[in-house]
Amino acid sequence: MEARLGFLLLGGVGVAASLLLAGLASFLAAAARDGAPPVADLLRHGAPLTPASLLRGLLRGNPTALIQAGVLALILTPALRVAATVVLFAAERDWTFVAVASAVLGMLVLGFSGVGPQLPR
């Protein structure tokens, strides 16, 4: 089971790194072609990231969207490990660990969806 979970983590990090590197290369190519954007533009806060806006950016070949997808893949990799742990423990019929891993997965899902206490802005 540990080997399977290790390959899942390795694959997730590999996908994230590939997306981040592709986004960086695309960003640098666009900067060389069109001129580098001002630093203020790179650091400004834009509209909140939604799945639809990320998909639109990826379909347009937006370098920032590639970088955002890489960061998202990196964030989701451990959550996918927890989900895979639930499945693998269920296959082994280890119901105590299924319950614990399911509770952890539930907390992760709630956290990702924004449920819970909010920090002041």
N, C-alpha and C. Protein backbone atom coordinates (compact mmCIF):
# COMPACT_ATOMS: atom_id res chain seq x y z
N MET A 1 0.82 -1.19 0.00
CA MET A 1 0.00 0.00 0.00
C MET A 1 0.87 1.26 0.00
N GLU A 2 1.93 1.27 0.79
CA GLU A 2 2.80 2.45 0.84
C GLU A 2 3.44 2.75 -0.51
N ALA A 3 3.80 1.70 -1.25
CA ALA A 3 4.41 1.92 -2.56
C ALA A 3 3.42 2.58 -3.51
N ARG A 4 2.17 2.14 -3.48
CA ARG A 4 1.14 2.74 -4.34
C ARG A 4 0.94 4.21 -4.00
N LEU A 5 0.87 4.49 -2.70
CA LEU A 5 0.68 5.87 -2.28
C LEU A 5 1.90 6.73 -2.62
N GLY A 6 3.07 6.12 -2.53
CA GLY A 6 4.29 6.85 -2.91
C GLY A 6 4.30 7.21 -4.38
N PHE A 7 3.85 6.27 -5.24
CA PHE A 7 3.78 6.55 -6.67
C PHE A 7 2.74 7.64 -6.97
N LEU A 8 1.65 7.64 -6.20
CA LEU A 8 0.64 8.68 -6.36
C LEU A 8 1.22 10.06 -6.04
N LEU A 9 1.95 10.14 -4.93
CA LEU A 9 2.58 11.42 -4.56
C LEU A 9 3.62 11.84 -5.59
N LEU A 10 4.41 10.89 -6.04
CA LEU A 10 5.44 11.19 -7.04
C LEU A 10 4.79 11.67 -8.35
N GLY A 11 3.72 11.01 -8.75
CA GLY A 11 3.02 11.43 -9.96
C GLY A 11 2.41 12.82 -9.83
N GLY A 12 1.81 13.09 -8.67
CA GLY A 12 1.21 14.40 -8.44
C GLY A 12 2.23 15.51 -8.47
N VAL A 13 3.36 15.27 -7.83
CA VAL A 13 4.42 16.28 -7.83
C VAL A 13 5.00 16.44 -9.23
N GLY A 14 5.11 15.34 -9.97
CA GLY A 14 5.60 15.41 -11.35
C GLY A 14 4.68 16.22 -12.25
N VAL A 15 3.37 15.99 -12.13
CA VAL A 15 2.40 16.76 -12.91
C VAL A 15 2.48 18.24 -12.53
N ALA A 16 2.53 18.52 -11.22
CA ALA A 16 2.59 19.91 -10.76
C ALA A 16 3.86 20.58 -11.28
N ALA A 17 4.99 19.90 -11.18
CA ALA A 17 6.25 20.49 -11.65
C ALA A 17 6.21 20.73 -13.15
N SER A 18 5.64 19.80 -13.90
CA SER A 18 5.54 19.97 -15.35
C SER A 18 4.69 21.19 -15.71
N LEU A 19 3.56 21.33 -15.03
CA LEU A 19 2.70 22.49 -15.30
C LEU A 19 3.38 23.80 -14.91
N LEU A 20 4.05 23.79 -13.76
CA LEU A 20 4.74 25.01 -13.33
C LEU A 20 5.87 25.38 -14.29
N LEU A 21 6.65 24.40 -14.73
CA LEU A 21 7.73 24.69 -15.66
C LEU A 21 7.21 25.14 -17.02
N ALA A 22 6.13 24.51 -17.48
CA ALA A 22 5.53 24.92 -18.76
C ALA A 22 5.00 26.35 -18.65
N GLY A 23 4.36 26.67 -17.52
CA GLY A 23 3.86 28.02 -17.32
C GLY A 23 4.98 29.05 -17.26
N LEU A 24 6.06 28.69 -16.56
CA LEU A 24 7.20 29.60 -16.46
C LEU A 24 7.84 29.82 -17.83
N ALA A 25 8.04 28.73 -18.58
CA ALA A 25 8.63 28.86 -19.91
C ALA A 25 7.75 29.70 -20.83
N SER A 26 6.45 29.46 -20.77
CA SER A 26 5.51 30.23 -21.58
C SER A 26 5.50 31.70 -21.17
N PHE A 27 5.56 31.95 -19.87
CA PHE A 27 5.60 33.32 -19.37
C PHE A 27 6.86 34.04 -19.84
N LEU A 28 8.00 33.37 -19.73
CA LEU A 28 9.26 33.99 -20.16
C LEU A 28 9.29 34.21 -21.66
N ALA A 29 8.73 33.28 -22.44
CA ALA A 29 8.67 33.46 -23.89
C ALA A 29 7.78 34.65 -24.25
N ALA A 30 6.65 34.78 -23.58
CA ALA A 30 5.76 35.92 -23.84
C ALA A 30 6.42 37.22 -23.42
N ALA A 31 7.16 37.20 -22.30
CA ALA A 31 7.84 38.41 -21.84
C ALA A 31 8.94 38.81 -22.82
N ALA A 32 9.65 37.84 -23.39
CA ALA A 32 10.70 38.15 -24.37
C ALA A 32 10.09 38.70 -25.66
N ARG A 33 8.92 38.18 -26.02
CA ARG A 33 8.26 38.61 -27.25
C ARG A 33 7.58 39.97 -27.09
N ASP A 34 6.84 40.13 -25.98
CA ASP A 34 6.00 41.32 -25.80
C ASP A 34 6.58 42.33 -24.83
N GLY A 35 7.68 42.01 -24.20
CA GLY A 35 8.22 42.87 -23.16
C GLY A 35 7.71 42.41 -21.80
N ALA A 36 8.54 42.52 -20.81
CA ALA A 36 8.18 42.07 -19.47
C ALA A 36 7.11 42.96 -18.88
N PRO A 37 6.11 42.36 -18.25
CA PRO A 37 5.08 43.19 -17.60
C PRO A 37 5.67 43.85 -16.36
N PRO A 38 5.11 44.98 -15.96
CA PRO A 38 5.59 45.63 -14.74
C PRO A 38 5.40 44.70 -13.53
N VAL A 39 6.28 44.83 -12.56
CA VAL A 39 6.21 43.99 -11.37
C VAL A 39 4.87 44.15 -10.67
N ALA A 40 4.32 45.34 -10.66
CA ALA A 40 3.03 45.58 -10.01
C ALA A 40 1.93 44.72 -10.64
N ASP A 41 2.00 44.51 -11.96
CA ASP A 41 1.01 43.68 -12.63
C ASP A 41 1.13 42.22 -12.20
N LEU A 42 2.35 41.79 -11.94
CA LEU A 42 2.55 40.39 -11.53
C LEU A 42 2.05 40.15 -10.12
N LEU A 43 2.11 41.17 -9.27
CA LEU A 43 1.76 41.00 -7.87
C LEU A 43 0.34 41.41 -7.54
N ARG A 44 -0.38 41.99 -8.47
CA ARG A 44 -1.73 42.46 -8.16
C ARG A 44 -2.66 41.27 -7.97
N HIS A 45 -3.69 41.52 -7.20
CA HIS A 45 -4.70 40.50 -6.95
C HIS A 45 -5.79 40.65 -8.00
N GLY A 46 -6.04 39.60 -8.74
CA GLY A 46 -7.07 39.63 -9.75
C GLY A 46 -8.36 39.05 -9.21
N ALA A 47 -9.22 38.66 -10.11
CA ALA A 47 -10.48 38.04 -9.73
C ALA A 47 -10.20 36.69 -9.07
N PRO A 48 -11.07 36.25 -8.19
CA PRO A 48 -10.87 34.95 -7.56
C PRO A 48 -10.80 33.84 -8.61
N LEU A 49 -9.97 32.87 -8.34
CA LEU A 49 -9.80 31.76 -9.26
C LEU A 49 -10.96 30.79 -9.11
N THR A 50 -11.62 30.51 -10.21
CA THR A 50 -12.70 29.51 -10.23
C THR A 50 -12.31 28.43 -11.23
N PRO A 51 -12.91 27.25 -11.12
CA PRO A 51 -12.60 26.21 -12.12
C PRO A 51 -12.86 26.68 -13.55
N ALA A 52 -13.94 27.45 -13.75
CA ALA A 52 -14.25 27.92 -15.10
C ALA A 52 -13.20 28.90 -15.61
N SER A 53 -12.77 29.82 -14.75
CA SER A 53 -11.77 30.80 -15.21
C SER A 53 -10.42 30.12 -15.45
N LEU A 54 -10.09 29.13 -14.63
CA LEU A 54 -8.84 28.39 -14.85
C LEU A 54 -8.90 27.63 -16.17
N LEU A 55 -10.02 26.99 -16.44
CA LEU A 55 -10.17 26.24 -17.71
C LEU A 55 -10.11 27.18 -18.91
N ARG A 56 -10.76 28.34 -18.81
CA ARG A 56 -10.69 29.32 -19.90
C ARG A 56 -9.25 29.75 -20.14
N GLY A 57 -8.53 30.02 -19.07
CA GLY A 57 -7.14 30.44 -19.21
C GLY A 57 -6.27 29.35 -19.81
N LEU A 58 -6.50 28.10 -19.41
CA LEU A 58 -5.73 26.99 -19.97
C LEU A 58 -6.03 26.80 -21.45
N LEU A 59 -7.30 26.94 -21.84
CA LEU A 59 -7.67 26.78 -23.25
C LEU A 59 -7.11 27.91 -24.11
N ARG A 60 -6.90 29.09 -23.52
CA ARG A 60 -6.30 30.21 -24.25
C ARG A 60 -4.78 30.15 -24.25
N GLY A 61 -4.22 29.22 -23.47
CA GLY A 61 -2.76 29.11 -23.39
C GLY A 61 -2.15 30.18 -22.51
N ASN A 62 -2.89 30.68 -21.55
CA ASN A 62 -2.43 31.72 -20.66
C ASN A 62 -1.35 31.15 -19.73
N PRO A 63 -0.15 31.73 -19.72
CA PRO A 63 0.93 31.22 -18.85
C PRO A 63 0.57 31.25 -17.37
N THR A 64 -0.16 32.27 -16.95
CA THR A 64 -0.55 32.36 -15.54
C THR A 64 -1.48 31.21 -15.18
N ALA A 65 -2.36 30.83 -16.08
CA ALA A 65 -3.27 29.71 -15.82
C ALA A 65 -2.49 28.41 -15.68
N LEU A 66 -1.43 28.23 -16.47
CA LEU A 66 -0.60 27.03 -16.33
C LEU A 66 0.06 27.00 -14.96
N ILE A 67 0.56 28.13 -14.52
CA ILE A 67 1.19 28.20 -13.20
C ILE A 67 0.16 27.94 -12.11
N GLN A 68 -1.02 28.52 -12.25
CA GLN A 68 -2.08 28.29 -11.26
C GLN A 68 -2.49 26.82 -11.23
N ALA A 69 -2.56 26.18 -12.38
CA ALA A 69 -2.90 24.76 -12.43
C ALA A 69 -1.82 23.92 -11.76
N GLY A 70 -0.57 24.32 -11.92
CA GLY A 70 0.52 23.61 -11.27
C GLY A 70 0.46 23.73 -9.76
N VAL A 71 0.16 24.93 -9.27
CA VAL A 71 0.03 25.13 -7.82
C VAL A 71 -1.17 24.35 -7.30
N LEU A 72 -2.26 24.36 -8.04
CA LEU A 72 -3.45 23.61 -7.65
C LEU A 72 -3.15 22.11 -7.59
N ALA A 73 -2.44 21.60 -8.58
CA ALA A 73 -2.06 20.17 -8.57
C ALA A 73 -1.19 19.85 -7.37
N LEU A 74 -0.30 20.75 -7.04
CA LEU A 74 0.57 20.54 -5.88
C LEU A 74 -0.23 20.54 -4.58
N ILE A 75 -1.22 21.41 -4.48
CA ILE A 75 -2.06 21.47 -3.29
C ILE A 75 -2.95 20.23 -3.18
N LEU A 76 -3.48 19.77 -4.30
CA LEU A 76 -4.41 18.64 -4.29
C LEU A 76 -3.74 17.28 -4.14
N THR A 77 -2.45 17.19 -4.39
CA THR A 77 -1.76 15.90 -4.33
C THR A 77 -1.90 15.21 -2.96
N PRO A 78 -1.66 15.88 -1.85
CA PRO A 78 -1.85 15.19 -0.56
C PRO A 78 -3.30 14.80 -0.30
N ALA A 79 -4.24 15.62 -0.78
CA ALA A 79 -5.66 15.27 -0.60
C ALA A 79 -6.00 14.02 -1.40
N LEU A 80 -5.43 13.88 -2.59
CA LEU A 80 -5.65 12.66 -3.37
C LEU A 80 -5.04 11.45 -2.67
N ARG A 81 -3.94 11.67 -1.97
CA ARG A 81 -3.33 10.58 -1.20
C ARG A 81 -4.28 10.12 -0.11
N VAL A 82 -4.93 11.04 0.57
CA VAL A 82 -5.89 10.68 1.62
C VAL A 82 -7.07 9.93 1.01
N ALA A 83 -7.56 10.39 -0.13
CA ALA A 83 -8.68 9.70 -0.79
C ALA A 83 -8.27 8.28 -1.20
N ALA A 84 -7.06 8.13 -1.73
CA ALA A 84 -6.57 6.80 -2.10
C ALA A 84 -6.40 5.92 -0.87
N THR A 85 -6.01 6.51 0.25
CA THR A 85 -5.87 5.76 1.49
C THR A 85 -7.21 5.19 1.92
N VAL A 86 -8.28 5.99 1.79
CA VAL A 86 -9.62 5.50 2.13
C VAL A 86 -9.94 4.27 1.29
N VAL A 87 -9.70 4.35 -0.01
CA VAL A 87 -10.01 3.24 -0.91
C VAL A 87 -9.17 2.01 -0.57
N LEU A 88 -7.89 2.20 -0.34
CA LEU A 88 -7.01 1.07 -0.06
C LEU A 88 -7.34 0.42 1.28
N PHE A 89 -7.66 1.21 2.29
CA PHE A 89 -8.06 0.62 3.57
C PHE A 89 -9.39 -0.10 3.45
N ALA A 90 -10.30 0.43 2.64
CA ALA A 90 -11.57 -0.26 2.42
C ALA A 90 -11.34 -1.60 1.72
N ALA A 91 -10.42 -1.64 0.77
CA ALA A 91 -10.11 -2.90 0.09
C ALA A 91 -9.53 -3.92 1.07
N GLU A 92 -8.82 -3.45 2.08
CA GLU A 92 -8.26 -4.33 3.10
C GLU A 92 -9.25 -4.61 4.22
N ARG A 93 -10.42 -3.98 4.16
CA ARG A 93 -11.48 -4.11 5.17
C ARG A 93 -11.02 -3.68 6.56
N ASP A 94 -10.22 -2.65 6.59
CA ASP A 94 -9.75 -2.08 7.86
C ASP A 94 -10.63 -0.86 8.15
N TRP A 95 -11.78 -1.11 8.75
CA TRP A 95 -12.83 -0.10 8.86
C TRP A 95 -12.46 1.03 9.83
N THR A 96 -11.64 0.74 10.81
CA THR A 96 -11.22 1.81 11.71
C THR A 96 -10.43 2.87 10.94
N PHE A 97 -9.48 2.41 10.13
CA PHE A 97 -8.68 3.37 9.36
C PHE A 97 -9.49 4.00 8.23
N VAL A 98 -10.48 3.29 7.70
CA VAL A 98 -11.38 3.90 6.72
C VAL A 98 -12.11 5.08 7.36
N ALA A 99 -12.59 4.89 8.58
CA ALA A 99 -13.32 5.95 9.27
C ALA A 99 -12.41 7.15 9.55
N VAL A 100 -11.20 6.88 10.03
CA VAL A 100 -10.27 7.98 10.34
C VAL A 100 -9.88 8.72 9.07
N ALA A 101 -9.51 7.98 8.04
CA ALA A 101 -9.10 8.62 6.78
C ALA A 101 -10.27 9.36 6.13
N SER A 102 -11.48 8.84 6.27
CA SER A 102 -12.66 9.52 5.74
C SER A 102 -12.92 10.82 6.47
N ALA A 103 -12.71 10.82 7.79
CA ALA A 103 -12.89 12.05 8.56
C ALA A 103 -11.87 13.10 8.13
N VAL A 104 -10.63 12.67 7.94
CA VAL A 104 -9.59 13.60 7.48
C VAL A 104 -9.94 14.13 6.09
N LEU A 105 -10.38 13.25 5.20
CA LEU A 105 -10.77 13.68 3.85
C LEU A 105 -11.93 14.66 3.90
N GLY A 106 -12.90 14.40 4.77
CA GLY A 106 -14.02 15.33 4.92
C GLY A 106 -13.57 16.70 5.37
N MET A 107 -12.63 16.73 6.33
CA MET A 107 -12.11 18.03 6.79
C MET A 107 -11.36 18.75 5.68
N LEU A 108 -10.61 18.00 4.87
CA LEU A 108 -9.90 18.62 3.75
C LEU A 108 -10.89 19.22 2.75
N VAL A 109 -11.94 18.47 2.43
CA VAL A 109 -12.93 18.94 1.47
C VAL A 109 -13.62 20.19 2.01
N LEU A 110 -13.98 20.18 3.29
CA LEU A 110 -14.60 21.37 3.88
C LEU A 110 -13.65 22.56 3.84
N GLY A 111 -12.38 22.31 4.13
CA GLY A 111 -11.39 23.39 4.09
C GLY A 111 -11.20 23.95 2.69
N PHE A 112 -11.15 23.05 1.70
CA PHE A 112 -10.99 23.51 0.32
C PHE A 112 -12.21 24.28 -0.17
N SER A 113 -13.39 23.93 0.35
CA SER A 113 -14.60 24.60 -0.10
C SER A 113 -14.86 25.91 0.63
N GLY A 114 -14.02 26.22 1.62
CA GLY A 114 -14.15 27.50 2.31
C GLY A 114 -15.04 27.47 3.53
N VAL A 115 -15.48 26.28 3.96
CA VAL A 115 -16.32 26.18 5.15
C VAL A 115 -15.41 26.27 6.36
N GLY A 116 -15.85 27.00 7.36
CA GLY A 116 -15.08 27.13 8.58
C GLY A 116 -14.78 28.57 8.88
N PRO A 117 -14.03 28.80 9.95
CA PRO A 117 -13.73 30.18 10.33
C PRO A 117 -12.89 30.88 9.28
N GLN A 118 -13.21 32.12 9.06
CA GLN A 118 -12.51 32.92 8.07
C GLN A 118 -11.58 33.89 8.79
N LEU A 119 -10.39 34.05 8.27
CA LEU A 119 -9.45 35.02 8.82
C LEU A 119 -9.87 36.42 8.39
N PRO A 120 -9.70 37.40 9.26
CA PRO A 120 -10.05 38.77 8.86
C PRO A 120 -9.11 39.26 7.77
N ARG A 121 -9.64 40.10 6.90
CA ARG A 121 -8.84 40.63 5.78
C ARG A 121 -8.37 42.00 6.08
